[in-house]
Amino acid sequence: MNNIQYLWSPNFNTNGEVRVYTVMGKTNLTDAAWVCPTNAAHRFFKVKVEMP
């Protein structure tokens, strides 16, 4: 998996609390699992936000 850093606006990493944003995708909405996008075939996306 490749890690790519994006600037997010608004920046929710405040007061020293870091959040990790993971972009996940599907080729079709009927696909069973969300995966990290690997190519241009992924058309549907969601962003997972975590606090490590």
C-alpha atoms as a PDB file:
ATOM      1  CA  MET A   1       0.000   0.000   0.000  1.00  0.00           C
ATOM      2  CA  ASN A   2       1.293   3.439  -0.895  1.00  0.00           C
ATOM      3  CA  ASN A   3       1.004   6.233   1.617  1.00  0.00           C
ATOM      4  CA  ILE A   4       0.201   9.595   0.085  1.00  0.00           C
ATOM      5  CA  GLN A   5      -0.184  12.717   2.158  1.00  0.00           C
ATOM      6  CA  TYR A   6      -2.872  15.234   1.284  1.00  0.00           C
ATOM      7  CA  LEU A   7      -3.622  18.591   2.800  1.00  0.00           C
ATOM      8  CA  TRP A   8      -7.092  18.544   4.343  1.00  0.00           C
ATOM      9  CA  SER A   9      -9.213  21.614   4.869  1.00  0.00           C
ATOM     10  CA  PRO A  10     -10.307  22.256   7.506  1.00  0.00           C
ATOM     11  CA  ASN A  11      -7.344  20.778   9.335  1.00  0.00           C
ATOM     12  CA  PHE A  12      -8.721  18.776  12.271  1.00  0.00           C
ATOM     13  CA  ASN A  13      -5.222  18.056  13.641  1.00  0.00           C
ATOM     14  CA  THR A  14      -5.497  20.629  16.412  1.00  0.00           C
ATOM     15  CA  ASN A  15      -4.156  20.996  19.924  1.00  0.00           C
ATOM     16  CA  GLY A  16      -1.534  18.332  19.207  1.00  0.00           C
ATOM     17  CA  GLU A  17      -4.205  15.708  18.464  1.00  0.00           C
ATOM     18  CA  VAL A  18      -3.162  14.059  15.214  1.00  0.00           C
ATOM     19  CA  ARG A  19      -5.693  12.315  13.024  1.00  0.00           C
ATOM     20  CA  VAL A  20      -4.904   9.774  10.310  1.00  0.00           C
ATOM     21  CA  TYR A  21      -6.978  10.001   7.118  1.00  0.00           C
ATOM     22  CA  THR A  22      -7.238   6.856   4.962  1.00  0.00           C
ATOM     23  CA  VAL A  23      -8.891   7.004   1.535  1.00  0.00           C
ATOM     24  CA  MET A  24     -10.728   3.789   0.672  1.00  0.00           C
ATOM     25  CA  GLY A  25     -12.448   2.889  -2.581  1.00  0.00           C
ATOM     26  CA  LYS A  26     -14.676   0.479  -4.463  1.00  0.00           C
ATOM     27  CA  THR A  27     -15.026  -0.227  -8.159  1.00  0.00           C
ATOM     28  CA  ASN A  28     -18.750  -0.907  -7.682  1.00  0.00           C
ATOM     29  CA  LEU A  29     -20.991  -0.083  -4.733  1.00  0.00           C
ATOM     30  CA  THR A  30     -21.990  -3.760  -4.626  1.00  0.00           C
ATOM     31  CA  ASP A  31     -18.378  -4.849  -3.896  1.00  0.00           C
ATOM     32  CA  ALA A  32     -18.139  -6.489  -0.488  1.00  0.00           C
ATOM     33  CA  ALA A  33     -15.127  -4.655   0.945  1.00  0.00           C
ATOM     34  CA  TRP A  34     -13.658  -1.170   0.900  1.00  0.00           C
ATOM     35  CA  VAL A  35      -9.986  -1.304  -0.135  1.00  0.00           C
ATOM     36  CA  CYS A  36      -7.178   1.188  -0.599  1.00  0.00           C
ATOM     37  CA  PRO A  37      -7.500   2.367  -4.224  1.00  0.00           C
ATOM     38  CA  THR A  38      -4.883   0.857  -6.508  1.00  0.00           C
ATOM     39  CA  ASN A  39      -5.961   2.148  -9.917  1.00  0.00           C
ATOM     40  CA  ALA A  40      -8.378   4.395 -11.783  1.00  0.00           C
ATOM     41  CA  ALA A  41     -11.085   1.688 -11.769  1.00  0.00           C
ATOM     42  CA  HIS A  42     -12.175   2.776  -8.271  1.00  0.00           C
ATOM     43  CA  ARG A  43     -15.110   5.149  -8.637  1.00  0.00           C
ATOM     44  CA  PHE A  44     -16.561   5.270  -5.128  1.00  0.00           C
ATOM     45  CA  PHE A  45     -14.590   6.607  -2.181  1.00  0.00           C
ATOM     46  CA  LYS A  46     -14.831   7.174   1.542  1.00  0.00           C
ATOM     47  CA  VAL A  47     -12.382   8.702   3.995  1.00  0.00           C
ATOM     48  CA  LYS A  48     -11.667   6.905   7.252  1.00  0.00           C
ATOM     49  CA  VAL A  49     -10.488   9.181  10.085  1.00  0.00           C
ATOM     50  CA  GLU A  50      -8.658   7.744  13.088  1.00  0.00           C
ATOM     51  CA  MET A  51      -6.812   9.061  16.109  1.00  0.00           C
ATOM     52  CA  PRO A  52      -3.693   6.945  16.624  1.00  0.00           C
END
